[in-house]
N, C-alpha and C. Protein backbone atom coordinates (compact mmCIF):
# COMPACT_ATOMS: atom_id res chain seq x y z
N MET A 1 270.66 32.42 220.66
CA MET A 1 270.67 32.40 219.59
C MET A 1 271.56 31.29 218.23
N ARG A 2 272.35 32.13 218.15
CA ARG A 2 273.31 31.84 217.51
C ARG A 2 273.87 30.97 217.97
N PHE A 3 274.14 30.68 219.22
CA PHE A 3 274.42 28.94 219.79
C PHE A 3 273.61 28.16 219.14
N LEU A 4 272.10 27.99 219.00
CA LEU A 4 271.31 27.23 218.11
C LEU A 4 271.55 26.95 217.10
N ALA A 5 271.50 27.74 216.35
CA ALA A 5 271.85 27.91 214.89
C ALA A 5 273.09 27.87 214.94
N GLN A 6 274.23 27.59 215.21
CA GLN A 6 275.24 26.61 215.22
C GLN A 6 275.21 25.19 215.72
N LEU A 7 274.11 24.80 216.67
CA LEU A 7 274.05 23.31 217.18
C LEU A 7 273.49 22.77 216.07
N ASN A 8 272.24 23.62 215.83
CA ASN A 8 271.37 23.18 214.65
C ASN A 8 272.69 22.56 213.34
N ALA A 9 273.24 23.30 213.00
CA ALA A 9 274.16 22.85 212.01
C ALA A 9 275.15 22.62 212.10
N PHE A 10 275.88 22.12 213.31
CA PHE A 10 276.54 21.04 213.47
C PHE A 10 275.61 19.30 213.45
N LEU A 11 274.91 19.62 214.10
CA LEU A 11 273.69 18.04 214.08
C LEU A 11 273.03 17.81 213.01
N PHE A 12 272.81 18.85 211.73
CA PHE A 12 272.35 17.92 210.75
C PHE A 12 273.63 18.02 209.49
N ARG A 13 275.02 18.10 209.74
CA ARG A 13 275.73 17.69 208.80
C ARG A 13 276.71 16.70 209.59
N ARG A 14 276.56 16.15 210.98
CA ARG A 14 277.21 15.23 210.88
C ARG A 14 276.18 13.80 211.81
N ALA A 15 274.94 13.82 211.68
CA ALA A 15 274.06 13.15 212.48
C ALA A 15 274.17 12.12 210.78
N GLY A 16 272.82 10.60 211.21
CA GLY A 16 272.87 10.05 209.98
C GLY A 16 271.56 10.83 209.78
N PRO A 17 271.24 9.54 208.75
CA PRO A 17 269.70 10.10 207.95
C PRO A 17 268.17 9.85 209.12
N ARG A 18 268.79 8.44 209.76
CA ARG A 18 267.92 8.45 210.84
C ARG A 18 267.97 9.65 211.94
N LEU A 19 268.63 9.81 212.49
CA LEU A 19 269.29 11.30 213.52
C LEU A 19 268.55 12.48 212.78
N ARG A 20 268.94 12.51 211.93
CA ARG A 20 268.88 13.79 210.74
C ARG A 20 267.12 13.81 210.79
N GLY A 21 266.22 12.86 210.71
CA GLY A 21 264.91 12.86 210.64
C GLY A 21 264.05 12.97 211.64
N LEU A 22 264.57 12.79 212.77
CA LEU A 22 263.80 12.89 214.31
C LEU A 22 264.32 13.98 214.66
N LEU A 23 265.47 14.48 214.52
CA LEU A 23 265.91 15.93 214.89
C LEU A 23 264.77 17.41 213.79
N SER A 24 264.65 16.54 212.59
CA SER A 24 264.15 17.42 212.20
C SER A 24 262.46 17.97 212.49
N GLY A 25 262.42 17.49 213.43
CA GLY A 25 260.49 17.96 214.13
C GLY A 25 260.95 19.17 215.22
N PRO A 26 261.65 19.08 215.92
CA PRO A 26 262.15 20.49 217.43
C PRO A 26 262.61 21.50 216.17
N LEU A 27 263.42 21.40 215.64
CA LEU A 27 264.53 22.28 214.46
C LEU A 27 263.77 22.90 213.36
N ARG A 28 263.27 22.16 212.72
CA ARG A 28 262.18 22.72 211.65
C ARG A 28 260.68 22.51 211.45
N GLN A 29 260.46 22.11 212.59
CA GLN A 29 258.81 21.81 212.84
C GLN A 29 257.95 20.70 211.63
N VAL A 30 259.08 19.95 211.64
CA VAL A 30 257.81 18.79 210.91
C VAL A 30 258.97 17.38 210.92
N ALA A 31 259.07 16.47 211.41
CA ALA A 31 259.41 15.33 211.38
C ALA A 31 259.25 14.34 209.77
N PHE A 32 260.72 13.30 209.89
CA PHE A 32 260.35 12.82 209.13
C PHE A 32 261.37 11.63 209.38
N HIS A 33 260.66 10.32 208.67
CA HIS A 33 261.48 9.08 209.09
C HIS A 33 263.19 8.70 209.04
N ARG A 34 263.36 9.36 207.68
CA ARG A 34 264.49 9.75 207.23
C ARG A 34 264.60 10.87 206.64
N LEU A 35 265.94 11.80 206.78
CA LEU A 35 266.00 12.80 206.10
C LEU A 35 267.62 13.19 205.69
N GLY A 36 268.09 13.51 204.30
CA GLY A 36 268.72 12.81 203.70
C GLY A 36 269.56 14.62 204.14
N ARG A 37 270.81 14.12 203.06
CA ARG A 37 271.54 15.60 203.42
C ARG A 37 271.14 16.55 202.65
N HIS A 38 271.41 17.89 202.69
CA HIS A 38 272.17 19.15 201.99
C HIS A 38 270.24 19.66 201.87
N ASN A 39 268.96 19.06 202.44
CA ASN A 39 267.91 19.38 201.94
C ASN A 39 267.71 21.11 202.58
N LYS A 40 266.62 21.46 201.37
CA LYS A 40 266.02 22.78 201.78
C LYS A 40 264.63 22.87 202.59
N ILE A 41 264.03 23.05 203.62
CA ILE A 41 263.16 22.63 203.82
C ILE A 41 262.13 24.12 204.87
N TYR A 42 261.06 24.56 203.48
CA TYR A 42 260.35 25.88 204.35
C TYR A 42 258.95 25.66 204.83
N GLY A 43 258.40 26.93 205.35
CA GLY A 43 257.56 26.32 206.16
C GLY A 43 256.82 25.15 206.49
N GLY A 44 257.58 24.93 207.33
CA GLY A 44 257.62 23.60 208.17
C GLY A 44 256.14 23.69 208.86
N GLU A 45 255.64 24.58 209.61
CA GLU A 45 254.45 24.51 209.97
C GLU A 45 253.13 24.35 208.87
N ALA A 46 253.29 24.33 207.41
CA ALA A 46 251.90 24.10 206.62
C ALA A 46 252.69 22.73 205.98
N ILE A 47 253.69 21.38 206.33
CA ILE A 47 253.91 20.75 205.87
C ILE A 47 253.23 19.40 207.11
N TYR A 48 252.92 18.34 206.45
CA TYR A 48 252.62 16.99 207.28
C TYR A 48 252.85 15.74 207.06
N ALA A 49 253.86 15.56 207.73
CA ALA A 49 254.42 14.18 207.01
C ALA A 49 254.22 13.22 208.12
N GLY A 50 253.39 11.83 207.31
CA GLY A 50 252.78 11.24 208.16
C GLY A 50 254.06 10.30 208.82
N GLN A 51 253.76 9.04 208.86
CA GLN A 51 254.80 8.18 209.82
C GLN A 51 255.98 7.23 208.49
N ARG A 52 256.49 7.19 208.52
CA ARG A 52 257.74 6.08 207.47
C ARG A 52 257.82 7.50 206.53
N VAL A 53 258.04 8.57 206.70
CA VAL A 53 258.75 9.00 205.36
C VAL A 53 259.91 9.28 205.11
N CYS A 54 260.28 9.04 204.11
CA CYS A 54 261.70 9.33 203.77
C CYS A 54 261.80 10.19 202.83
N ILE A 55 262.89 11.12 202.63
CA ILE A 55 263.58 12.31 202.01
C ILE A 55 264.76 11.95 201.94
N GLY A 56 264.74 12.01 200.48
CA GLY A 56 266.55 12.03 199.90
C GLY A 56 267.28 12.59 200.03
N ASP A 57 268.53 13.03 199.62
CA ASP A 57 269.44 14.17 199.63
C ASP A 57 268.94 15.39 198.44
N PHE A 58 269.38 16.37 198.90
CA PHE A 58 269.40 17.90 198.11
C PHE A 58 267.92 17.96 197.60
N CYS A 59 267.28 17.83 198.48
CA CYS A 59 265.50 17.61 198.19
C CYS A 59 265.00 19.31 198.87
N TRP A 60 264.39 20.13 198.42
CA TRP A 60 263.85 21.23 197.94
C TRP A 60 262.06 21.22 198.33
N ILE A 61 261.76 21.40 199.21
CA ILE A 61 260.53 21.02 199.89
C ILE A 61 260.05 22.71 200.47
N GLU A 62 258.93 22.90 200.34
CA GLU A 62 258.41 24.45 200.42
C GLU A 62 257.26 25.01 200.27
N ALA A 63 256.66 25.11 201.87
CA ALA A 63 255.10 25.73 201.85
C ALA A 63 255.43 27.09 201.70
N VAL A 64 255.16 28.10 200.74
CA VAL A 64 255.42 29.70 200.17
C VAL A 64 253.67 29.79 200.84
N VAL A 65 254.41 30.78 202.24
CA VAL A 65 253.55 31.57 202.66
C VAL A 65 253.29 33.17 202.12
N ARG A 66 254.34 33.91 201.34
CA ARG A 66 254.48 34.80 200.88
C ARG A 66 255.40 35.09 200.02
N TYR A 67 254.85 35.78 198.94
CA TYR A 67 255.86 35.77 197.63
C TYR A 67 255.49 36.68 196.93
N GLY A 68 256.50 37.88 197.37
CA GLY A 68 256.21 39.43 196.98
C GLY A 68 254.90 39.99 197.55
N ALA A 69 253.87 40.67 196.81
CA ALA A 69 252.93 41.13 197.72
C ALA A 69 251.66 40.04 198.03
N GLN A 70 252.13 38.75 197.68
CA GLN A 70 250.91 37.65 197.22
C GLN A 70 251.12 37.44 198.68
N SER A 71 249.93 36.64 199.19
CA SER A 71 249.91 36.04 200.69
C SER A 71 248.81 34.34 200.51
N PHE A 72 249.13 33.45 200.86
CA PHE A 72 249.10 32.48 200.98
C PHE A 72 249.01 30.82 201.99
N GLN A 73 248.20 30.65 202.15
CA GLN A 73 247.96 29.39 203.11
C GLN A 73 248.01 28.18 202.69
N PRO A 74 249.14 27.48 202.16
CA PRO A 74 249.93 26.41 201.70
C PRO A 74 249.50 25.12 202.83
N ALA A 75 249.29 24.13 202.14
CA ALA A 75 249.11 22.52 202.39
C ALA A 75 250.24 21.94 202.16
N ILE A 76 251.22 20.98 202.78
CA ILE A 76 251.83 19.83 201.83
C ILE A 76 251.82 18.58 202.85
N VAL A 77 250.87 17.87 202.21
CA VAL A 77 250.60 16.37 202.76
C VAL A 77 251.07 14.84 202.24
N LEU A 78 252.26 14.79 203.21
CA LEU A 78 253.11 13.65 202.75
C LEU A 78 252.50 12.41 203.44
N ARG A 79 251.13 11.72 202.99
CA ARG A 79 250.98 10.35 203.82
C ARG A 79 251.70 9.14 204.04
N ASP A 80 251.39 8.37 204.89
CA ASP A 80 252.24 7.35 206.06
C ASP A 80 252.96 6.26 204.45
N GLY A 81 254.73 6.18 204.49
CA GLY A 81 255.41 5.46 203.81
C GLY A 81 255.99 6.14 202.10
N VAL A 82 255.30 7.41 202.12
CA VAL A 82 256.04 8.34 201.38
C VAL A 82 258.02 8.36 200.88
N MET A 83 258.14 7.81 199.74
CA MET A 83 259.98 7.67 199.87
C MET A 83 259.42 9.02 198.61
N ILE A 84 260.53 9.92 199.41
CA ILE A 84 260.89 10.61 198.18
C ILE A 84 262.55 10.98 197.79
N SER A 85 263.23 10.32 196.53
CA SER A 85 264.14 10.52 196.06
C SER A 85 265.21 11.50 196.02
N ASP A 86 266.66 11.14 195.66
CA ASP A 86 267.12 12.71 195.65
C ASP A 86 266.81 13.87 194.62
N MET A 87 267.46 14.97 194.58
CA MET A 87 267.07 15.78 194.15
C MET A 87 265.48 16.75 193.90
N THR A 88 264.64 15.79 194.58
CA THR A 88 262.96 16.41 193.74
C THR A 88 262.67 17.69 194.65
N HIS A 89 261.83 18.42 193.94
CA HIS A 89 261.15 19.87 194.47
C HIS A 89 260.17 19.69 194.78
N ILE A 90 259.42 20.14 196.00
CA ILE A 90 257.38 20.20 195.70
C ILE A 90 257.64 21.64 196.24
N SER A 91 256.58 22.23 195.78
CA SER A 91 256.47 23.53 196.39
C SER A 91 254.83 24.12 196.28
N ALA A 92 254.53 24.01 196.98
CA ALA A 92 252.84 24.61 197.50
C ALA A 92 252.78 25.80 197.36
N VAL A 93 251.76 26.64 196.93
CA VAL A 93 250.65 27.82 198.16
C VAL A 93 249.39 27.71 198.22
N SER A 94 249.36 26.67 197.51
CA SER A 94 247.48 26.28 197.81
C SER A 94 247.96 24.54 198.28
N ARG A 95 247.48 23.37 197.97
CA ARG A 95 247.52 22.32 198.75
C ARG A 95 248.32 20.82 197.93
N ILE A 96 249.11 20.49 198.23
CA ILE A 96 249.65 19.44 197.15
C ILE A 96 249.68 18.08 198.07
N GLU A 97 249.17 16.94 197.83
CA GLU A 97 248.90 15.71 198.78
C GLU A 97 249.04 14.71 197.61
N ILE A 98 250.22 13.80 198.72
CA ILE A 98 251.07 12.74 197.79
C ILE A 98 250.36 11.83 198.80
N GLY A 99 249.85 10.42 198.57
CA GLY A 99 248.87 9.52 198.92
C GLY A 99 250.04 8.53 199.27
N ARG A 100 249.60 7.61 200.44
CA ARG A 100 250.31 6.73 200.56
C ARG A 100 251.37 5.82 200.52
N ASN A 101 252.14 4.96 200.49
CA ASN A 101 253.00 4.39 200.41
C ASN A 101 253.35 4.96 198.42
N CYS A 102 253.25 5.64 198.29
CA CYS A 102 253.70 6.25 196.88
C CYS A 102 255.47 6.80 196.99
N LEU A 103 256.31 6.25 195.68
CA LEU A 103 257.43 6.40 195.48
C LEU A 103 258.40 7.28 194.56
N LEU A 104 258.56 8.19 194.83
CA LEU A 104 259.10 9.17 194.15
C LEU A 104 260.61 9.22 193.78
N GLY A 105 261.06 9.02 192.39
CA GLY A 105 261.97 9.11 191.74
C GLY A 105 263.08 9.77 191.94
N SER A 106 264.01 10.33 191.30
CA SER A 106 264.93 11.44 191.38
C SER A 106 264.35 12.63 190.56
N LYS A 107 265.15 13.83 190.99
CA LYS A 107 265.09 15.29 189.97
C LYS A 107 263.35 15.37 189.37
N ILE A 108 262.31 15.32 190.35
CA ILE A 108 260.77 15.38 190.21
C ILE A 108 261.07 16.78 190.63
N TYR A 109 259.32 17.33 189.66
CA TYR A 109 259.97 18.63 190.17
C TYR A 109 257.45 18.59 190.62
N ILE A 110 256.91 19.54 191.62
CA ILE A 110 255.57 19.28 191.71
C ILE A 110 255.42 20.31 192.29
N GLY A 111 254.78 21.03 191.27
CA GLY A 111 254.51 22.68 192.00
C GLY A 111 252.81 23.06 191.68
N ASP A 112 251.90 23.23 192.39
CA ASP A 112 250.71 24.08 192.01
C ASP A 112 250.74 25.00 191.62
N HIS A 113 251.74 25.88 191.11
CA HIS A 113 251.24 27.08 191.09
C HIS A 113 252.80 27.14 189.15
N SER A 114 252.61 28.86 188.93
CA SER A 114 253.86 29.05 188.13
C SER A 114 253.94 30.03 188.46
N HIS A 115 255.22 31.11 187.76
CA HIS A 115 255.59 32.22 187.72
C HIS A 115 254.93 32.27 186.28
N GLY A 116 254.16 33.12 186.40
CA GLY A 116 253.30 34.13 185.30
C GLY A 116 252.10 33.17 185.11
N THR A 117 251.60 33.82 183.48
CA THR A 117 250.84 32.05 182.97
C THR A 117 250.79 32.01 181.70
N ALA A 118 249.91 31.51 181.16
CA ALA A 118 249.67 31.66 179.28
C ALA A 118 249.61 33.06 178.88
N ARG A 119 248.89 34.02 179.57
CA ARG A 119 248.00 34.54 179.57
C ARG A 119 248.78 36.51 179.68
N LEU A 120 250.39 36.02 179.10
CA LEU A 120 251.47 36.90 179.36
C LEU A 120 251.13 37.75 177.79
N THR A 121 250.88 38.93 178.31
CA THR A 121 251.12 40.30 177.45
C THR A 121 252.39 40.19 177.20
N ALA A 122 252.80 41.23 175.82
CA ALA A 122 253.78 41.28 175.42
C ALA A 122 254.77 42.34 176.58
N ASP A 123 254.02 43.65 177.59
CA ASP A 123 254.45 43.98 178.32
C ASP A 123 255.16 43.64 179.32
N SER A 124 254.02 42.26 179.86
CA SER A 124 254.08 41.61 181.38
C SER A 124 255.70 40.75 180.99
N CYS A 125 255.97 40.53 179.98
CA CYS A 125 256.96 38.98 179.71
C CYS A 125 258.37 40.08 179.64
N ARG A 126 258.14 41.16 179.89
CA ARG A 126 258.90 42.11 180.06
C ARG A 126 259.61 42.18 181.32
N THR A 127 259.06 41.74 182.57
CA THR A 127 258.97 41.51 183.83
C THR A 127 259.91 40.36 184.07
N PRO A 128 261.13 40.62 185.15
CA PRO A 128 261.90 39.15 184.46
C PRO A 128 260.97 37.61 185.73
N PRO A 129 260.88 36.32 185.35
CA PRO A 129 259.61 35.75 185.99
C PRO A 129 259.80 35.50 186.98
N GLY A 130 260.71 35.73 188.02
CA GLY A 130 261.12 36.00 189.21
C GLY A 130 260.23 37.23 190.24
N ARG A 131 260.04 37.88 189.21
CA ARG A 131 259.54 39.11 189.91
C ARG A 131 257.74 38.91 189.54
N ARG A 132 257.16 38.67 188.58
CA ARG A 132 255.48 38.46 188.01
C ARG A 132 254.85 37.52 189.32
N PRO A 133 253.93 37.68 189.52
CA PRO A 133 253.07 37.07 190.65
C PRO A 133 253.08 35.47 190.36
N LEU A 134 252.61 35.31 191.05
CA LEU A 134 252.31 33.40 190.81
C LEU A 134 250.95 33.62 190.48
N ASP A 135 250.89 32.35 189.53
CA ASP A 135 249.30 32.38 188.86
C ASP A 135 248.97 30.73 188.25
N ASP A 136 248.00 30.42 187.83
CA ASP A 136 247.45 29.30 187.43
C ASP A 136 247.89 28.49 189.10
N ILE A 137 247.47 28.62 189.70
CA ILE A 137 247.40 28.23 190.80
C ILE A 137 246.28 26.76 191.35
N ALA A 138 246.23 25.74 191.49
CA ALA A 138 245.21 24.61 191.46
C ALA A 138 246.55 23.56 192.22
N GLU A 139 245.23 23.19 193.27
CA GLU A 139 245.32 21.90 193.92
C GLU A 139 246.35 20.34 193.34
N ILE A 140 246.90 19.92 193.78
CA ILE A 140 247.76 18.58 193.18
C ILE A 140 247.13 17.48 194.13
N ALA A 141 247.00 16.64 193.80
CA ALA A 141 246.73 15.26 194.58
C ALA A 141 246.83 13.93 193.74
N ILE A 142 248.16 13.51 194.37
CA ILE A 142 248.45 12.01 193.84
C ILE A 142 248.17 10.94 194.82
N GLY A 143 247.01 10.17 194.27
CA GLY A 143 246.54 8.93 194.87
C GLY A 143 247.47 7.70 195.69
N ASP A 144 247.13 7.22 196.15
CA ASP A 144 247.77 6.58 197.19
C ASP A 144 248.66 5.13 196.51
N ASP A 145 250.02 4.46 196.43
CA ASP A 145 250.75 3.55 195.77
C ASP A 145 251.24 4.40 194.31
N CYS A 146 251.37 5.54 194.26
CA CYS A 146 251.84 5.32 192.96
C CYS A 146 252.83 5.93 192.55
N TRP A 147 253.33 5.33 191.49
CA TRP A 147 255.15 5.18 191.38
C TRP A 147 255.41 6.47 190.17
N ILE A 148 255.73 7.47 190.95
CA ILE A 148 256.74 8.66 189.73
C ILE A 148 257.47 8.58 189.49
N GLY A 149 258.09 8.45 188.15
CA GLY A 149 259.20 8.49 187.36
C GLY A 149 260.35 9.83 187.91
N ASP A 150 261.53 8.86 187.22
CA ASP A 150 262.73 9.95 187.27
C ASP A 150 262.36 11.39 186.30
N GLY A 151 262.73 12.80 187.24
CA GLY A 151 262.97 13.92 185.34
C GLY A 151 261.02 13.99 185.65
N ALA A 152 260.21 13.30 186.08
CA ALA A 152 258.75 13.64 185.91
C ALA A 152 258.27 14.72 186.58
N VAL A 153 257.51 15.96 186.35
CA VAL A 153 256.91 16.90 186.64
C VAL A 153 255.86 17.38 186.81
N ILE A 154 254.97 17.36 187.64
CA ILE A 154 253.44 17.58 187.76
C ILE A 154 253.21 18.95 188.41
N LEU A 155 252.49 19.47 186.90
CA LEU A 155 251.82 20.41 187.33
C LEU A 155 250.44 20.65 187.84
N ALA A 156 250.19 22.05 188.50
CA ALA A 156 249.01 22.74 188.68
C ALA A 156 247.81 22.21 187.98
N GLY A 157 246.81 21.70 189.15
CA GLY A 157 245.57 20.82 188.99
C GLY A 157 245.69 19.90 188.48
N SER A 158 246.77 19.27 188.58
CA SER A 158 247.08 17.37 188.41
C SER A 158 246.33 16.69 189.58
N ARG A 159 246.09 15.49 189.04
CA ARG A 159 244.50 14.41 189.81
C ARG A 159 245.23 13.19 189.44
N ILE A 160 245.95 12.65 190.17
CA ILE A 160 246.24 11.26 189.50
C ILE A 160 245.84 9.88 190.27
N ALA A 161 245.13 9.13 189.62
CA ALA A 161 244.57 7.97 190.28
C ALA A 161 245.34 7.14 191.62
N ALA A 162 245.11 6.53 192.31
CA ALA A 162 245.49 5.92 193.11
C ALA A 162 246.62 4.28 192.46
N GLY A 163 247.68 4.04 192.58
CA GLY A 163 248.20 3.02 191.72
C GLY A 163 248.72 3.10 190.32
N SER A 164 248.48 4.77 189.99
CA SER A 164 249.01 5.35 188.41
C SER A 164 250.64 4.54 188.85
N ILE A 165 251.25 4.42 187.68
CA ILE A 165 252.43 5.11 187.43
C ILE A 165 253.19 6.23 186.20
N VAL A 166 253.63 7.21 186.44
CA VAL A 166 254.27 8.32 185.69
C VAL A 166 255.33 7.95 185.30
N ALA A 167 255.40 7.93 184.22
CA ALA A 167 257.34 7.73 183.19
C ALA A 167 258.16 8.23 183.39
N ALA A 168 259.22 7.97 183.04
CA ALA A 168 260.22 8.86 183.66
C ALA A 168 260.08 10.70 182.42
N ASN A 169 260.41 11.55 182.83
CA ASN A 169 260.26 12.47 182.16
C ASN A 169 259.29 12.88 181.71
N ALA A 170 257.51 12.73 182.46
CA ALA A 170 256.52 12.92 181.72
C ALA A 170 256.15 14.67 182.68
N VAL A 171 255.57 15.17 181.72
CA VAL A 171 255.19 16.52 182.10
C VAL A 171 253.82 16.74 182.23
N VAL A 172 253.15 16.51 183.61
CA VAL A 172 251.46 16.00 183.55
C VAL A 172 250.95 17.37 183.96
N LYS A 173 250.03 17.31 183.27
CA LYS A 173 249.15 18.31 183.90
C LYS A 173 247.59 17.83 183.60
N LEU A 174 247.41 16.86 183.91
CA LEU A 174 245.87 16.29 183.30
C LEU A 174 245.33 15.59 184.74
N GLN A 175 243.77 14.84 185.07
CA GLN A 175 243.34 14.35 185.84
C GLN A 175 243.01 12.57 185.45
N THR A 176 243.20 11.91 186.55
CA THR A 176 242.76 10.39 186.15
C THR A 176 241.61 10.10 187.03
N ASP A 177 240.68 9.15 186.72
CA ASP A 177 239.75 8.68 188.19
C ASP A 177 240.19 7.78 187.98
N LYS A 178 240.86 6.82 187.44
CA LYS A 178 241.45 5.03 187.49
C LYS A 178 243.18 5.10 187.10
N PRO A 179 243.08 3.91 187.58
CA PRO A 179 244.74 3.43 187.70
C PRO A 179 245.12 3.67 186.12
N ALA A 180 246.33 4.85 185.72
CA ALA A 180 246.29 4.45 184.48
C ALA A 180 248.59 4.34 184.38
N LEU A 181 248.59 4.62 183.25
CA LEU A 181 250.19 4.62 182.70
C LEU A 181 249.67 5.56 182.14
N ILE A 182 250.65 6.53 182.91
CA ILE A 182 250.91 8.28 182.06
C ILE A 182 252.66 8.90 181.67
N ALA A 183 252.24 8.80 180.30
CA ALA A 183 253.79 9.20 180.00
C ALA A 183 253.40 10.14 178.75
N GLY A 184 254.88 10.98 178.66
CA GLY A 184 254.92 11.55 177.38
C GLY A 184 255.20 13.10 178.06
N ASN A 185 255.44 14.22 176.79
CA ASN A 185 255.44 16.10 177.43
C ASN A 185 254.43 16.22 176.14
N PRO A 186 253.28 16.66 176.10
CA PRO A 186 252.64 16.49 177.58
C PRO A 186 252.00 15.33 177.79
N ALA A 187 252.00 15.18 178.71
CA ALA A 187 251.89 13.65 178.94
C ALA A 187 250.45 13.40 178.83
N LYS A 188 250.44 11.71 178.43
CA LYS A 188 248.96 11.59 178.18
C LYS A 188 248.50 10.29 178.70
N VAL A 189 247.56 9.78 178.97
CA VAL A 189 247.35 8.31 179.44
C VAL A 189 247.04 7.17 178.51
N VAL A 190 248.63 6.82 178.21
CA VAL A 190 248.55 5.71 177.52
C VAL A 190 247.81 4.13 177.75
N ARG A 191 247.36 4.26 178.36
CA ARG A 191 246.70 3.34 178.60
C ARG A 191 246.21 3.11 180.65
N TYR A 192 244.98 2.67 180.57
CA TYR A 192 244.55 2.15 181.60
C TYR A 192 244.69 1.28 182.20
N PHE A 193 244.95 0.93 184.18
CA PHE A 193 245.13 -0.37 184.02
C PHE A 193 243.47 -1.20 184.63
N GLU A 194 243.52 -2.33 184.67
CA GLU A 194 241.87 -3.18 184.32
C GLU A 194 242.17 -4.01 186.30
């Protein structure tokens, strides 16, 4: 067992991005077309990656099955042609689906839950955030052909229509039913594409 762990570490350090992507299947339970360096991928059995999915460097993709006393049945679905740039964090306890040919910039956070809730009381505020139960859980769906700009945050319950653009640094917790330009903190639809 120790030998396999050492072999795994050696291969992922030395291999190029295509080889790391191919090796990610047998060793991490999910395969990518290209896989950058220094990534953390947890819950691979609950992560589905279509064809030509590319992951940049320093990304953190996690399907959270257990958190403290809570149990979940998460799913992360990355459809064909999804390209995720460096330092992106995707965290699911419910379901996150990213449509075909989406382009995600760097330093993006996509999470279908939060540590605590807006309903916190004075007593529960004394509990460190890392020990609070996960709450505000709702699925996220990003349609096909979307572009998510650098630094964007996509929060629980968001549904972004196919062909939409999310501006850099937008904080999104909304639903759109047709292609739109989404920007701001909190994010709003700037205009719909006709």
